[in-house]
């Protein structure tokens, strides 16, 4: 069993690893749909898009993991910022 300090270290390490959004391309309608859910407070409904994200390849799978981490923290603002970063890299 891991000690508390090891768990904290693992969590801190994971947070420091930034997702490289420059390698993620999402259809504008998908980003719009996800942002609308966030704006309506439907954070837990984002999972409806996870399958579509996952089939987009390894970077889509990494995005799903990151969104799941943020969802567990109820960090809708963090998810919104992440989606906006993805959107801006493709403009």
Protein backbone atom coordinates (compact mmCIF):
# COMPACT_ATOMS: atom_id res chain seq x y z
CA UNK A 1 0.00 0.00 0.00
CA UNK A 2 1.30 3.43 -0.91
CA UNK A 3 1.96 5.93 1.80
CA UNK A 4 0.22 9.30 1.81
CA UNK A 5 3.40 11.09 0.76
CA UNK A 6 3.75 8.80 -2.25
CA UNK A 7 0.15 9.46 -3.27
CA UNK A 8 0.63 13.20 -2.98
CA UNK A 9 3.84 12.96 -5.01
CA UNK A 10 2.08 10.93 -7.72
CA UNK A 11 -0.78 13.44 -7.88
CA UNK A 12 1.58 16.41 -8.03
CA UNK A 13 3.60 14.70 -10.78
CA UNK A 14 0.46 14.06 -12.81
CA UNK A 15 -0.65 17.66 -12.46
CA UNK A 16 2.70 18.94 -13.68
CA UNK A 17 2.49 16.90 -16.86
CA UNK A 18 0.72 19.23 -19.25
CA UNK A 19 -1.38 17.82 -22.03
CA UNK A 20 0.09 18.87 -25.39
CA UNK A 21 -3.01 20.43 -26.91
CA UNK A 22 -1.16 21.28 -30.13
CA UNK A 23 -1.45 17.60 -31.07
CA UNK A 24 -5.19 17.45 -30.50
CA UNK A 25 -7.61 18.28 -33.29
CA UNK A 26 -11.29 18.27 -32.47
CA UNK A 27 -14.23 19.07 -34.72
CA UNK A 28 -15.58 22.54 -33.89
CA UNK A 29 -19.07 21.11 -33.29
CA UNK A 30 -17.68 18.72 -30.68
CA UNK A 31 -15.92 21.52 -28.84
CA UNK A 32 -19.08 23.62 -29.01
CA UNK A 33 -21.24 20.80 -27.64
CA UNK A 34 -18.85 20.17 -24.74
CA UNK A 35 -18.59 23.88 -23.90
CA UNK A 36 -22.40 24.20 -23.96
CA UNK A 37 -22.71 21.34 -21.47
CA UNK A 38 -20.21 23.08 -19.20
CA UNK A 39 -22.06 26.39 -19.49
CA UNK A 40 -25.31 24.65 -18.53
CA UNK A 41 -23.65 23.05 -15.51
CA UNK A 42 -23.80 19.56 -16.99
CA UNK A 43 -20.25 18.62 -16.09
CA UNK A 44 -21.09 14.96 -15.56
CA UNK A 45 -22.66 14.74 -19.04
CA UNK A 46 -19.33 15.23 -20.78
CA UNK A 47 -18.84 11.49 -20.67
CA UNK A 48 -21.27 11.29 -23.61
CA UNK A 49 -18.38 12.52 -25.77
CA UNK A 50 -15.64 10.27 -24.40
CA UNK A 51 -16.09 7.49 -26.95
CA UNK A 52 -15.84 9.97 -29.82
CA UNK A 53 -12.72 11.50 -28.28
CA UNK A 54 -11.11 8.12 -27.65
CA UNK A 55 -11.45 6.96 -31.27
CA UNK A 56 -9.49 10.06 -32.34
CA UNK A 57 -6.31 8.33 -31.26
CA UNK A 58 -3.88 8.44 -28.35
CA UNK A 59 -4.14 12.19 -27.86
CA UNK A 60 -7.92 11.92 -27.70
CA UNK A 61 -7.53 9.23 -25.04
CA UNK A 62 -5.17 11.48 -23.08
CA UNK A 63 -7.71 14.29 -23.33
CA UNK A 64 -10.41 12.00 -21.93
CA UNK A 65 -8.16 11.10 -18.99
CA UNK A 66 -7.46 14.76 -18.28
CA UNK A 67 -11.15 15.69 -18.47
CA UNK A 68 -11.97 12.80 -16.13
CA UNK A 69 -9.37 14.03 -13.64
CA UNK A 70 -10.81 17.53 -13.75
CA UNK A 71 -14.36 16.18 -13.50
CA UNK A 72 -13.47 14.33 -10.30
CA UNK A 73 -12.43 17.71 -8.89
CA UNK A 74 -15.59 19.37 -10.27
CA UNK A 75 -13.28 21.73 -12.13
CA UNK A 76 -15.54 22.87 -14.96
CA UNK A 77 -13.45 26.04 -15.31
CA UNK A 78 -10.32 23.94 -15.90
CA UNK A 79 -12.09 21.85 -18.54
CA UNK A 80 -13.37 25.00 -20.24
CA UNK A 81 -9.86 26.45 -20.31
CA UNK A 82 -8.53 23.21 -21.79
CA UNK A 83 -11.17 23.22 -24.55
CA UNK A 84 -10.45 26.87 -25.31
CA UNK A 85 -6.72 26.12 -25.60
CA UNK A 86 -7.46 23.34 -28.07
CA UNK A 87 -9.74 25.65 -30.01
CA UNK A 88 -7.16 28.45 -30.16
CA UNK A 89 -4.33 26.23 -31.37
CA UNK A 90 -6.33 25.47 -34.52
CA UNK A 91 -7.18 29.06 -35.46
